[in-house]
């Protein structure tokens, strides 16, 4: 049930987020496309208005028109007026063909004569003279550019609706001489033929303002007041929520006529088409959720309960209860996993009680055996007797040798599991080397180089003596003179992957050994006889492995008749307290 509820919740939240994102992207894309459309329509309208400028330029710059108007005297008769109007109509025939949006022209010369041109020029007679006079007055001081005006009800003598736009300009010749005023009646098709392309749905309002911000043309489905221009950002789109309805506003200004186009469109009707897709998606999602819930409910009984039982069993095994077993209820993959889990738990239980404990017992027994091999207690008392005998006879040299051997044996009485310091281990080696030096005299050269700061390092007891002893037993067995033994210690700095190490190197110039012998020494013990042949070296390898493990160990480099180098990699562990003895940092050299 929890999984089903989670699925329903996640699906609902995902659907809501998807819907919100869809609406946001939809509004953004519609705004961008609508803004581009409005910009393109305004550019086309601006181009057409510029054509109207050129058409009227043809009239004002025409020398025949100029001369005909200037030649008239003040207060001409109606006959002369009609004659001039017919003459000018003939000259402006091409103008009417190029600009069908021009319904009529009225020209005022500087002598208060009025001439009406065009098929609908009589419409000027229906307009309020004071309104026209105000229009002429507005043209004073202009430079020949258009002044636009929207014809409202107050522009006519009688109330009526018109589809005209009034524009005016000064009539100026090529030499910039003003010789009259021209009023032009434009059909609203000049604007409507372009702005109708912005009508995406019924709730669209388009407003065209002149350069002074006065409303020039309105194309909308109702007589709504135009929005204030100051509230809109130029060249951008804005989405506003007005009385629960979302509207998209755009505002652009043309380059030449400097018209400002403001459009307002309701996004609700546009989004209604997208809501159909959303509804289909919602119904599909609901059906998918119900199917998923039904399937999950059925599968959970066959999958989740056995899986939960298996997980709980794994937790008990993790806590050390290896006698845990799961109940097998099915014959499918989960049943197979349960059987394998029971077999694995049984196998682990067996290994814990048999193999692991037996291995620990073997390690403990091996440590005790190594200690027994290296700790001959009974010899210590005998050597003490020899020491006093030599001392009473005045043989101090032999007494010192016996003392060295006695201290060696006493050192071996300590348990091998207990760590000692490198200083104590080197003292033990020094005792052993005193005996060998007395044996070989000048034929043996010994060099020991151990920095003082390393003497406090903790090492395994009796770790170096078996290696040094092998040098005399094997390496120097057939060598008559010039025997050289070197013992060196150093610190190897570690990194994130490896810790700091204590490196101890024991090298000789003895007979050496080939690769096969090194491999036998380093390989695990197979036969008892082989173990006895390399018991000293075996004890070193085995104790490092048991006590320290990886990455510590022993490395042997040797070649026949070229000597042997044994390198020990040990943990760099500084013991507590001051190491007695040779702690002044000198390097021992014994010849």
Protein backbone atom coordinates (compact mmCIF):
# COMPACT_ATOMS: atom_id res chain seq x y z
CA UNK A 1 0.00 0.00 0.00
CA UNK A 2 2.83 2.37 0.81
CA UNK A 3 4.45 1.73 -2.56
CA UNK A 4 1.13 2.23 -4.32
CA UNK A 5 0.45 5.47 -2.46
CA UNK A 6 3.97 6.65 -3.20
CA UNK A 7 3.47 5.85 -6.89
CA UNK A 8 0.19 7.79 -6.99
CA UNK A 9 1.74 10.73 -5.15
CA UNK A 10 4.85 10.81 -7.33
CA UNK A 11 2.76 10.53 -10.49
CA UNK A 12 0.50 13.37 -9.35
CA UNK A 13 3.38 15.64 -8.39
CA UNK A 14 5.21 14.79 -11.62
CA UNK A 15 2.07 15.51 -13.66
CA UNK A 16 1.54 18.84 -11.89
CA UNK A 17 5.14 19.88 -12.39
CA UNK A 18 5.00 18.78 -16.03
CA UNK A 19 1.81 20.76 -16.53
CA UNK A 20 3.33 23.86 -14.93
CA UNK A 21 6.43 23.55 -17.05
CA UNK A 22 4.29 22.98 -20.14
CA UNK A 23 2.25 26.13 -19.44
CA UNK A 24 5.39 28.18 -18.74
CA UNK A 25 7.11 27.00 -21.92
CA UNK A 26 3.88 27.41 -23.87
CA UNK A 27 3.43 30.99 -22.67
CA UNK A 28 7.06 31.77 -23.36
CA UNK A 29 6.92 30.37 -26.89
CA UNK A 30 3.55 32.03 -27.67
CA UNK A 31 4.89 35.33 -26.34
CA UNK A 32 7.98 35.08 -28.48
CA UNK A 33 6.11 34.10 -31.63
CA UNK A 34 3.40 36.71 -31.10
CA UNK A 35 6.02 39.39 -30.48
CA UNK A 36 7.83 38.46 -33.69
CA UNK A 37 4.54 38.52 -35.61
CA UNK A 38 3.63 41.95 -34.23
CA UNK A 39 7.11 43.23 -35.07
CA UNK A 40 6.86 41.95 -38.65
CA UNK A 41 3.32 43.35 -39.12
CA UNK A 42 4.40 46.75 -37.78
CA UNK A 43 7.38 46.75 -40.15
CA UNK A 44 5.10 46.05 -43.12
CA UNK A 45 2.66 48.74 -41.99
CA UNK A 46 5.51 51.19 -41.53
CA UNK A 47 6.69 50.45 -45.06
CA UNK A 48 3.21 51.06 -46.45
CA UNK A 49 2.83 54.35 -44.56
CA UNK A 50 6.20 55.39 -45.92
CA UNK A 51 4.76 54.71 -49.40
CA UNK A 52 1.97 57.14 -48.55
CA UNK A 53 4.62 59.74 -47.76
CA UNK A 54 6.13 59.20 -51.18
CA UNK A 55 2.73 59.46 -52.88
CA UNK A 56 1.95 62.77 -51.23
CA UNK A 57 5.51 63.92 -51.93
CA UNK A 58 4.70 63.41 -55.61
CA UNK A 59 1.79 65.85 -55.20
CA UNK A 60 3.54 68.52 -53.15
CA UNK A 61 6.73 68.44 -55.22
CA UNK A 62 4.87 68.48 -58.56
CA UNK A 63 5.63 71.85 -60.22
CA UNK A 64 2.33 71.77 -62.11
CA UNK A 65 0.37 71.44 -58.88
CA UNK A 66 2.40 74.19 -57.26
CA UNK A 67 2.00 76.60 -60.16
CA UNK A 68 -1.72 75.89 -60.53
CA UNK A 69 -2.38 76.61 -56.85
CA UNK A 70 -0.17 79.66 -56.60
CA UNK A 71 -1.70 81.13 -59.74
CA UNK A 72 -5.15 81.40 -58.17
CA UNK A 73 -6.29 84.67 -56.81
CA UNK A 74 -8.02 85.07 -53.47
CA UNK A 75 -11.72 84.29 -53.43
CA UNK A 76 -11.98 82.51 -56.80
CA UNK A 77 -15.37 81.59 -58.22
CA UNK A 78 -16.97 78.20 -57.93
CA UNK A 79 -16.46 77.64 -61.64
CA UNK A 80 -12.72 78.32 -61.46
CA UNK A 81 -12.52 76.11 -58.39
CA UNK A 82 -14.24 73.19 -60.13
CA UNK A 83 -12.11 73.69 -63.21
CA UNK A 84 -8.89 73.56 -61.17
CA UNK A 85 -10.11 70.55 -59.22
CA UNK A 86 -10.82 68.67 -62.47
CA UNK A 87 -7.40 69.61 -63.78
CA UNK A 88 -5.67 68.43 -60.63
CA UNK A 89 -7.75 65.22 -60.58
CA UNK A 90 -6.47 64.37 -64.03
CA UNK A 91 -2.87 64.90 -62.91
CA UNK A 92 -3.39 62.81 -59.78
CA UNK A 93 -4.98 59.86 -61.55
CA UNK A 94 -1.85 57.75 -61.09
CA UNK A 95 -1.77 58.68 -57.41
CA UNK A 96 -5.23 57.19 -56.88
CA UNK A 97 -4.07 53.97 -58.56
CA UNK A 98 -0.91 53.71 -56.42
CA UNK A 99 -2.66 54.56 -53.16
CA UNK A 100 -6.26 53.27 -53.13
CA UNK A 101 -6.33 53.87 -49.36
CA UNK A 102 -6.49 57.67 -50.04
CA UNK A 103 -10.18 58.52 -50.09
CA UNK A 104 -9.90 62.24 -50.63
CA UNK A 105 -7.65 65.29 -50.47
CA UNK A 106 -8.33 68.84 -49.37
CA UNK A 107 -5.83 71.57 -50.22
CA UNK A 108 -5.72 74.98 -48.56
CA UNK A 109 -3.65 77.55 -50.38
CA UNK A 110 -2.23 80.63 -48.72
CA UNK A 111 -5.07 82.79 -50.08
CA UNK A 112 -7.79 80.92 -48.15
CA UNK A 113 -8.96 78.99 -51.22
CA UNK A 114 -10.04 75.37 -50.66
CA UNK A 115 -9.82 72.59 -53.24
CA UNK A 116 -11.31 69.09 -52.76
CA UNK A 117 -9.86 66.23 -54.78
CA UNK A 118 -10.86 62.55 -55.02
CA UNK A 119 -14.05 60.55 -55.26
CA UNK A 120 -14.83 60.96 -51.54
CA UNK A 121 -13.61 64.52 -51.23
CA UNK A 122 -17.19 65.57 -50.51
CA UNK A 123 -16.81 63.95 -47.13
CA UNK A 124 -14.92 67.02 -45.98
CA UNK A 125 -18.25 68.90 -46.29
CA UNK A 126 -19.73 66.65 -43.57
CA UNK A 127 -16.94 67.46 -41.12
CA UNK A 128 -17.00 70.22 -38.55
CA UNK A 129 -15.13 73.28 -39.99
CA UNK A 130 -13.73 74.10 -36.56
CA UNK A 131 -12.30 70.57 -36.33
CA UNK A 132 -10.63 71.00 -39.73
CA UNK A 133 -9.38 74.46 -38.77
CA UNK A 134 -7.83 72.96 -35.62
CA UNK A 135 -6.14 70.33 -37.78
CA UNK A 136 -4.71 73.02 -40.06
CA UNK A 137 -3.55 74.94 -37.00
CA UNK A 138 -1.67 71.87 -35.71
CA UNK A 139 0.37 71.82 -38.93
CA UNK A 140 1.91 75.20 -38.25
CA UNK A 141 5.59 74.91 -37.45
CA UNK A 142 5.97 71.38 -38.81
CA UNK A 143 8.49 70.51 -41.46
CA UNK A 144 6.31 68.67 -43.95
CA UNK A 145 5.86 65.44 -41.94
CA UNK A 146 2.46 63.88 -41.37
CA UNK A 147 0.25 64.81 -38.47
CA UNK A 148 -2.27 62.05 -37.82
CA UNK A 149 -5.66 62.30 -36.17
CA UNK A 150 -8.36 59.80 -35.37
CA UNK A 151 -11.82 60.88 -36.52
CA UNK A 152 -14.10 60.66 -33.55
CA UNK A 153 -17.83 61.56 -33.34
CA UNK A 154 -16.93 65.19 -32.59
CA UNK A 155 -15.29 65.55 -35.99
CA UNK A 156 -18.61 65.45 -37.91
CA UNK A 157 -21.53 67.82 -38.06
CA UNK A 158 -23.87 64.92 -37.50
CA UNK A 159 -23.18 61.85 -35.35
CA UNK A 160 -21.99 59.03 -37.51
CA UNK A 161 -19.46 56.22 -37.58
CA UNK A 162 -16.68 56.40 -40.15
CA UNK A 163 -13.83 54.17 -41.15
CA UNK A 164 -11.51 57.03 -41.99
CA UNK A 165 -8.27 58.38 -40.63
CA UNK A 166 -7.31 62.02 -41.15
CA UNK A 167 -3.74 63.11 -41.82
CA UNK A 168 -2.28 66.47 -42.73
CA UNK A 169 0.98 67.97 -43.90
CA UNK A 170 2.37 71.21 -45.25
CA UNK A 171 2.78 71.49 -49.01
CA UNK A 172 6.39 72.48 -49.64
CA UNK A 173 8.22 72.71 -52.95
CA UNK A 174 11.68 71.48 -53.78
CA UNK A 175 13.16 74.79 -52.61
CA UNK A 176 11.31 74.32 -49.27
CA UNK A 177 8.76 77.02 -50.06
CA UNK A 178 5.45 76.40 -48.28
CA UNK A 179 2.55 77.11 -50.61
CA UNK A 180 -0.34 75.33 -48.93
CA UNK A 181 -1.72 72.74 -46.53
CA UNK A 182 -2.96 69.29 -47.48
CA UNK A 183 -5.47 67.19 -45.51
CA UNK A 184 -5.75 63.53 -46.51
CA UNK A 185 -8.58 61.12 -45.73
CA UNK A 186 -7.27 57.54 -45.41
CA UNK A 187 -9.45 54.48 -45.29
CA UNK A 188 -8.82 52.43 -42.17
CA UNK A 189 -7.92 49.55 -44.48
CA UNK A 190 -4.48 51.16 -44.51
CA UNK A 191 -4.04 49.78 -41.00
CA UNK A 192 -6.65 47.06 -40.80
CA UNK A 193 -5.30 45.01 -43.71
CA UNK A 194 -2.08 44.50 -41.72
CA UNK A 195 -3.23 44.47 -38.11
CA UNK A 196 -5.93 41.84 -38.68
CA UNK A 197 -3.17 39.22 -38.83
CA UNK A 198 -2.71 39.68 -35.08
CA UNK A 199 -6.19 38.39 -34.36
CA UNK A 200 -5.43 34.92 -32.98
CA UNK A 201 -8.84 34.60 -31.29
CA UNK A 202 -11.89 36.64 -30.43
CA UNK A 203 -10.35 38.26 -27.36
CA UNK A 204 -7.77 40.36 -29.17
CA UNK A 205 -7.29 44.12 -28.94
CA UNK A 206 -4.81 46.04 -31.11
CA UNK A 207 -4.06 49.73 -30.61
CA UNK A 208 -2.01 51.98 -32.88
CA UNK A 209 -0.66 55.25 -31.44
CA UNK A 210 0.97 58.15 -33.27
CA UNK A 211 4.30 59.71 -32.37
CA UNK A 212 2.65 61.85 -29.69
CA UNK A 213 1.07 58.84 -28.00
CA UNK A 214 -2.45 59.64 -29.22
CA UNK A 215 -4.65 56.72 -30.18
CA UNK A 216 -4.83 56.54 -33.96
CA UNK A 217 -6.56 53.24 -34.61
CA UNK A 218 -8.12 50.54 -32.46
CA UNK A 219 -8.82 47.02 -33.62
CA UNK A 220 -10.59 45.00 -30.92
CA UNK A 221 -13.74 43.10 -30.15
CA UNK A 222 -15.10 45.60 -27.69
CA UNK A 223 -14.89 49.30 -26.94
CA UNK A 224 -12.30 48.94 -24.22
CA UNK A 225 -10.05 51.76 -23.16
CA UNK A 226 -6.47 51.37 -24.44
CA UNK A 227 -3.80 50.62 -21.81
CA UNK A 228 -1.51 53.52 -20.78
CA UNK A 229 1.72 53.37 -22.75
CA UNK A 230 3.84 54.20 -19.72
CA UNK A 231 2.87 50.92 -18.02
CA UNK A 232 4.29 48.81 -20.84
CA UNK A 233 7.93 48.09 -21.60
CA UNK A 234 9.08 48.92 -25.09
CA UNK A 235 10.12 46.00 -27.28
CA UNK A 236 9.12 43.36 -24.74
CA UNK A 237 6.23 41.08 -23.95
CA UNK A 238 4.37 41.02 -20.66
CA UNK A 239 1.89 38.52 -19.25
CA UNK A 240 -0.66 40.03 -16.87
CA UNK A 241 -3.46 38.51 -14.86
CA UNK A 242 -6.51 40.77 -15.20
CA UNK A 243 -9.69 39.78 -13.36
CA UNK A 244 -8.76 36.11 -13.42
CA UNK A 245 -7.82 36.11 -17.13
CA UNK A 246 -4.25 35.98 -18.38
CA UNK A 247 -3.43 38.48 -21.14
CA UNK A 248 -0.33 38.86 -23.27
CA UNK A 249 0.79 42.42 -24.05
CA UNK A 250 3.30 43.46 -26.70
CA UNK A 251 4.62 46.93 -27.50
CA UNK A 252 6.74 47.93 -30.53
CA UNK A 253 7.58 51.19 -32.27
CA UNK A 254 8.10 51.51 -36.03
CA UNK A 255 11.33 52.94 -37.39
CA UNK A 256 10.01 55.55 -39.88
CA UNK A 257 6.50 56.65 -39.00
CA UNK A 258 7.26 56.21 -35.28
CA UNK A 259 3.93 54.48 -34.72
CA UNK A 260 3.57 52.54 -31.48
CA UNK A 261 1.72 49.25 -31.73
CA UNK A 262 0.21 47.76 -28.56
CA UNK A 263 -1.52 44.40 -28.78
CA UNK A 264 -3.46 42.56 -26.12
CA UNK A 265 -4.48 38.94 -26.49
CA UNK A 266 -6.06 36.51 -24.06
CA UNK A 267 -3.98 33.41 -23.46
CA UNK A 268 -6.96 31.52 -22.07
CA UNK A 269 -8.40 30.62 -25.47
CA UNK A 270 -4.96 29.70 -26.79
CA UNK A 271 -4.32 27.51 -23.76
CA UNK A 272 -7.71 25.82 -24.12
CA UNK A 273 -6.37 23.89 -27.10
CA UNK A 274 -3.37 22.82 -25.09
CA UNK A 275 -5.61 21.78 -22.19
CA UNK A 276 -7.14 19.10 -24.39
CA UNK A 277 -3.73 17.45 -24.61
CA UNK A 278 -3.27 17.92 -20.86
CA UNK A 279 -6.62 16.26 -20.14
CA UNK A 280 -5.71 13.31 -22.31
CA UNK A 281 -2.37 13.06 -20.52
CA UNK A 282 -4.11 13.26 -17.11
CA UNK A 283 -6.57 10.52 -17.97
CA UNK A 284 -3.76 8.38 -19.36
CA UNK A 285 -1.68 8.95 -16.24
CA UNK A 286 -4.64 8.09 -14.00
CA UNK A 287 -5.24 4.86 -15.91
CA UNK A 288 -1.52 4.03 -15.70
CA UNK A 289 -1.49 4.69 -11.96
CA UNK A 290 -4.50 2.43 -11.38
CA UNK A 291 -2.94 -0.34 -13.46
CA UNK A 292 0.37 0.13 -11.65
CA UNK A 293 -1.35 -0.02 -8.28
CA UNK A 294 -3.14 -3.21 -9.23
CA UNK A 295 0.03 -4.84 -10.54
CA UNK A 296 2.09 -3.73 -7.53
CA UNK A 297 -0.50 -5.04 -5.12
CA UNK A 298 -0.39 -8.46 -6.76
CA UNK A 299 3.38 -8.60 -7.16
CA UNK A 300 4.10 -7.31 -3.66
CA UNK A 301 2.55 -10.42 -2.17
CA UNK A 302 4.86 -12.64 -4.21
CA UNK A 303 7.93 -10.44 -4.24
CA UNK A 304 8.10 -7.99 -1.35
CA UNK A 305 7.28 -10.34 1.53
CA UNK A 306 9.89 -13.00 0.61
CA UNK A 307 12.36 -10.23 -0.17
CA UNK A 308 11.74 -8.55 3.19
CA UNK A 309 12.24 -11.90 4.93
CA UNK A 310 15.53 -12.37 3.07
CA UNK A 311 16.72 -8.88 4.01
CA UNK A 312 15.93 -9.47 7.69
CA UNK A 313 17.85 -12.75 7.57
CA UNK A 314 20.83 -10.95 6.05
CA UNK A 315 20.76 -8.41 8.89
CA UNK A 316 20.82 -11.22 11.47
CA UNK A 317 23.79 -12.83 9.72
CA UNK A 318 25.51 -9.45 9.69
CA UNK A 319 25.06 -9.32 13.46
CA UNK A 320 26.82 -12.69 13.81
CA UNK A 321 23.83 -15.04 14.01
CA UNK A 322 25.08 -17.55 11.45
CA UNK A 323 22.46 -20.11 12.42
CA UNK A 324 19.81 -17.96 10.68
CA UNK A 325 17.79 -19.66 7.92
CA UNK A 326 15.00 -18.33 5.69
CA UNK A 327 11.76 -20.11 4.95
CA UNK A 328 11.40 -21.15 1.32
CA UNK A 329 7.82 -20.52 0.14
CA UNK A 330 8.17 -20.25 -3.64
CA UNK A 331 9.91 -22.09 -6.46
CA UNK A 332 10.91 -19.00 -8.43
CA UNK A 333 14.09 -16.93 -8.45
CA UNK A 334 13.48 -15.72 -4.88
CA UNK A 335 13.19 -19.32 -3.74
CA UNK A 336 16.51 -20.11 -5.41
CA UNK A 337 18.11 -17.07 -3.74
CA UNK A 338 16.74 -18.23 -0.38
CA UNK A 339 18.21 -21.72 -0.84
CA UNK A 340 21.59 -20.25 -1.78
CA UNK A 341 21.43 -17.94 1.24
CA UNK A 342 20.77 -20.86 3.60
CA UNK A 343 23.68 -22.79 2.06
CA UNK A 344 25.94 -19.77 2.37
CA UNK A 345 24.98 -19.19 6.03
CA UNK A 346 25.60 -22.86 6.80
CA UNK A 347 28.96 -22.75 5.08
CA UNK A 348 29.99 -19.60 6.96
CA UNK A 349 28.93 -21.19 10.25
CA UNK A 350 31.10 -24.21 9.47
CA UNK A 351 34.10 -22.08 8.56
CA UNK A 352 33.75 -20.01 11.71
CA UNK A 353 33.59 -23.03 14.02
CA UNK A 354 36.08 -25.26 12.24
CA UNK A 355 38.43 -23.57 9.83
CA UNK A 356 38.85 -20.19 11.50
CA UNK A 357 39.29 -21.51 15.03
CA UNK A 358 41.64 -24.22 13.80
CA UNK A 359 43.75 -21.64 11.98
CA UNK A 360 44.00 -19.53 15.12
CA UNK A 361 45.07 -22.57 17.07
CA UNK A 362 47.71 -23.39 14.47
CA UNK A 363 49.09 -19.85 14.60
CA UNK A 364 49.30 -19.94 18.37
CA UNK A 365 50.99 -23.35 18.29
CA UNK A 366 53.41 -22.15 15.62
CA UNK A 367 54.41 -19.13 17.68
CA UNK A 368 54.99 -21.35 20.67
CA UNK A 369 57.08 -23.76 18.57
CA UNK A 370 59.21 -20.90 17.24
CA UNK A 371 59.73 -19.64 20.76
CA UNK A 372 60.70 -23.13 21.93
CA UNK A 373 63.26 -23.42 19.12
CA UNK A 374 64.84 -20.08 19.99
CA UNK A 375 64.69 -20.25 23.83
CA UNK A 376 67.08 -22.95 25.17
CA UNK A 377 66.73 -22.20 28.90
CA UNK A 378 68.90 -24.97 30.11
CA UNK A 379 72.04 -23.60 28.42
CA UNK A 380 71.90 -20.32 30.31
CA UNK A 381 72.95 -21.84 33.67
CA UNK A 382 75.71 -23.89 32.02
CA UNK A 383 77.20 -20.81 30.34
CA UNK A 384 77.17 -18.95 33.67
CA UNK A 385 79.33 -21.72 35.12
CA UNK A 386 81.79 -21.42 32.19
CA UNK A 387 82.01 -17.66 32.70
CA UNK A 388 83.11 -17.96 36.31
CA UNK A 389 85.63 -20.69 35.43
CA UNK A 390 87.31 -18.54 32.72
CA UNK A 391 87.21 -15.51 34.97
CA UNK A 392 88.93 -17.35 37.84
CA UNK A 393 91.61 -18.56 35.43
CA UNK A 394 92.24 -15.01 34.17
CA UNK A 395 91.02 -15.68 30.63
CA UNK A 396 89.04 -12.44 30.32
CA UNK A 397 88.62 -12.73 26.53
CA UNK A 398 86.92 -16.09 26.81
CA UNK A 399 84.87 -14.79 29.74
CA UNK A 400 83.59 -11.88 27.60
CA UNK A 401 82.58 -14.30 24.87
CA UNK A 402 80.75 -16.47 27.35
CA UNK A 403 79.06 -13.34 28.75
CA UNK A 404 77.93 -12.35 25.25
CA UNK A 405 76.53 -15.79 24.61
CA UNK A 406 74.87 -15.82 28.02
CA UNK A 407 73.17 -12.49 27.40
CA UNK A 408 72.03 -13.78 24.00
CA UNK A 409 70.39 -16.76 25.63
CA UNK A 410 68.88 -14.58 28.35
CA UNK A 411 67.38 -12.31 25.63
CA UNK A 412 65.72 -15.32 24.07
CA UNK A 413 63.89 -16.13 27.30
CA UNK A 414 61.42 -13.28 26.66
CA UNK A 415 58.20 -14.26 24.82
CA UNK A 416 58.56 -13.77 21.08
CA UNK A 417 55.08 -12.17 20.92
CA UNK A 418 56.35 -9.17 22.89
CA UNK A 419 57.78 -6.34 20.76
CA UNK A 420 61.17 -4.90 21.61
CA UNK A 421 63.14 -1.91 20.38
CA UNK A 422 65.59 -1.86 17.53
CA UNK A 423 68.22 -0.83 20.12
CA UNK A 424 67.76 -4.09 22.09
CA UNK A 425 67.70 -6.11 18.88
CA UNK A 426 70.97 -4.51 17.73
CA UNK A 427 72.52 -5.21 21.15
CA UNK A 428 71.65 -8.89 20.67
CA UNK A 429 73.25 -8.82 17.20
CA UNK A 430 76.33 -7.15 18.69
CA UNK A 431 76.73 -10.03 21.16
CA UNK A 432 76.47 -12.54 18.36
CA UNK A 433 78.96 -10.65 16.19
CA UNK A 434 81.48 -10.53 19.09
CA UNK A 435 81.52 -14.31 19.06
CA UNK A 436 81.93 -14.45 15.27
CA UNK A 437 84.62 -11.75 15.36
CA UNK A 438 86.59 -13.81 17.86
CA UNK A 439 86.21 -16.78 15.53
CA UNK A 440 87.27 -15.18 12.23
CA UNK A 441 89.54 -12.38 13.54
CA UNK A 442 90.90 -10.28 10.66
CA UNK A 443 89.03 -12.31 8.02
CA UNK A 444 85.72 -10.66 9.04
CA UNK A 445 84.70 -7.02 8.42
CA UNK A 446 81.43 -5.79 9.93
CA UNK A 447 79.76 -2.41 9.28
CA UNK A 448 76.59 -1.34 11.13
CA UNK A 449 74.79 1.88 10.14
CA UNK A 450 71.68 2.58 12.22
CA UNK A 451 70.59 6.23 12.77
CA UNK A 452 69.91 7.09 16.41
CA UNK A 453 66.35 8.26 15.72
CA UNK A 454 65.44 4.74 14.54
CA UNK A 455 66.69 2.94 17.67
CA UNK A 456 63.37 3.56 19.43
CA UNK A 457 61.39 1.81 16.71
CA UNK A 458 59.48 -1.25 17.89
CA UNK A 459 60.34 -4.54 16.18
CA UNK A 460 59.65 -8.25 16.67
CA UNK A 461 62.00 -9.93 19.11
CA UNK A 462 64.72 -12.22 17.61
CA UNK A 463 63.96 -10.98 14.09
CA UNK A 464 67.47 -10.13 12.88
CA UNK A 465 69.53 -12.91 14.53
CA UNK A 466 68.30 -15.75 12.24
CA UNK A 467 69.19 -13.71 9.15
CA UNK A 468 72.66 -12.76 10.46
CA UNK A 469 73.22 -16.35 11.56
CA UNK A 470 72.40 -17.59 8.02
CA UNK A 471 75.18 -15.38 6.69
CA UNK A 472 77.80 -17.27 8.68
CA UNK A 473 76.21 -20.69 8.26
CA UNK A 474 75.60 -20.50 4.50
CA UNK A 475 77.09 -17.39 2.85
CA UNK A 476 80.55 -17.58 4.52
CA UNK A 477 80.71 -21.39 4.69
CA UNK A 478 83.30 -21.75 1.88
CA UNK A 479 84.84 -18.27 2.11
CA UNK A 480 88.31 -18.14 3.69
CA UNK A 481 88.96 -14.42 3.99
CA UNK A 482 87.59 -10.95 3.20
CA UNK A 483 84.18 -11.66 4.73
CA UNK A 484 82.08 -8.47 4.71
CA UNK A 485 78.78 -8.05 6.55
CA UNK A 486 76.75 -4.82 6.47
CA UNK A 487 73.65 -3.93 8.48
CA UNK A 488 71.76 -0.72 7.61
CA UNK A 489 68.47 0.81 8.79
CA UNK A 490 66.46 3.70 7.31
CA UNK A 491 63.00 5.23 7.28
CA UNK A 492 60.86 5.13 4.13
CA UNK A 493 58.19 7.84 4.00
CA UNK A 494 54.74 6.64 2.98
CA UNK A 495 51.74 8.23 1.30
CA UNK A 496 47.95 7.93 1.39
CA UNK A 497 48.12 4.37 0.05
CA UNK A 498 51.06 3.09 2.14
CA UNK A 499 52.25 3.94 5.70
CA UNK A 500 55.75 4.91 6.77
CA UNK A 501 58.11 1.92 6.93
CA UNK A 502 61.26 0.92 8.76
CA UNK A 503 63.70 -0.60 6.25
CA UNK A 504 66.46 -2.91 7.59
CA UNK A 505 69.01 -4.28 5.09
CA UNK A 506 71.48 -7.11 5.82
CA UNK A 507 73.99 -7.72 3.02
CA UNK A 508 77.06 -9.94 2.61
CA UNK A 509 79.63 -10.79 -0.05
CA UNK A 510 79.22 -14.51 0.38
CA UNK A 511 78.44 -17.29 -2.09
CA UNK A 512 74.95 -16.01 -2.93
CA UNK A 513 72.15 -18.19 -4.32
CA UNK A 514 70.17 -18.59 -7.47
CA UNK A 515 66.51 -17.76 -8.09
CA UNK A 516 65.23 -21.27 -7.40
CA UNK A 517 66.65 -21.26 -3.88
CA UNK A 518 65.08 -17.85 -3.16
CA UNK A 519 61.72 -19.11 -4.41
CA UNK A 520 61.90 -22.17 -2.12
CA UNK A 521 62.67 -19.95 0.86
CA UNK A 522 59.86 -17.55 0.13
CA UNK A 523 57.29 -20.24 -0.79
CA UNK A 524 54.90 -21.74 1.81
CA UNK A 525 56.18 -24.86 3.62
CA UNK A 526 55.25 -28.15 1.96
CA UNK A 527 57.61 -30.74 3.52
CA UNK A 528 58.90 -30.96 7.07
CA UNK A 529 62.49 -31.58 5.91
CA UNK A 530 62.44 -28.36 3.90
CA UNK A 531 61.14 -26.51 6.96
CA UNK A 532 64.07 -27.74 9.03
CA UNK A 533 66.60 -26.63 6.41
CA UNK A 534 65.39 -23.02 6.49
CA UNK A 535 63.96 -22.80 10.00
CA UNK A 536 65.68 -19.48 10.80
CA UNK A 537 64.53 -17.67 7.69
CA UNK A 538 61.12 -19.35 7.86
CA UNK A 539 60.60 -18.02 11.37
CA UNK A 540 61.30 -14.45 10.22
CA UNK A 541 58.91 -14.68 7.28
CA UNK A 542 56.17 -16.39 9.24
CA UNK A 543 56.27 -14.06 12.24
CA UNK A 544 56.13 -10.92 10.08
CA UNK A 545 53.18 -12.42 8.22
CA UNK A 546 51.33 -13.39 11.41
CA UNK A 547 51.96 -10.23 13.41
CA UNK A 548 52.04 -7.46 10.78
CA UNK A 549 50.63 -8.85 7.53
CA UNK A 550 50.50 -6.81 4.31
CA UNK A 551 52.23 -4.69 3.07
CA UNK A 552 55.13 -5.71 5.29
CA UNK A 553 57.50 -8.58 4.60
CA UNK A 554 60.93 -9.68 3.42
CA UNK A 555 62.67 -9.17 0.08
CA UNK A 556 65.71 -11.19 -0.97
CA UNK A 557 68.08 -10.09 -3.77
CA UNK A 558 70.92 -12.46 -4.55
CA UNK A 559 73.05 -13.92 -7.31
CA UNK A 560 75.53 -16.81 -7.28
CA UNK A 561 79.06 -15.68 -6.13
CA UNK A 562 77.80 -12.06 -5.84
CA UNK A 563 76.48 -11.97 -2.29
CA UNK A 564 72.99 -11.61 -0.85
CA UNK A 565 70.84 -8.66 0.27
CA UNK A 566 67.92 -9.28 2.66
CA UNK A 567 65.60 -6.28 3.02
CA UNK A 568 62.99 -6.20 5.77
CA UNK A 569 59.93 -3.93 5.43
CA UNK A 570 58.56 -3.31 8.95
CA UNK A 571 56.09 -0.86 10.50
CA UNK A 572 57.60 2.44 11.58
CA UNK A 573 56.48 2.42 15.24
CA UNK A 574 58.23 4.57 17.86
CA UNK A 575 58.19 3.06 21.38
CA UNK A 576 57.58 5.07 24.52
CA UNK A 577 60.41 6.22 26.79
CA UNK A 578 64.10 6.87 26.12
CA UNK A 579 66.08 4.16 24.44
CA UNK A 580 69.17 3.38 26.48
CA UNK A 581 72.54 2.70 25.05
CA UNK A 582 73.76 4.13 21.77
CA UNK A 583 71.43 7.15 21.43
CA UNK A 584 73.87 9.88 20.45
CA UNK A 585 73.21 9.43 16.71
CA UNK A 586 76.53 7.81 15.83
CA UNK A 587 76.83 5.03 13.26
CA UNK A 588 78.48 1.88 14.58
CA UNK A 589 81.31 0.43 12.53
CA UNK A 590 82.95 -2.80 13.69
CA UNK A 591 86.03 -4.08 11.89
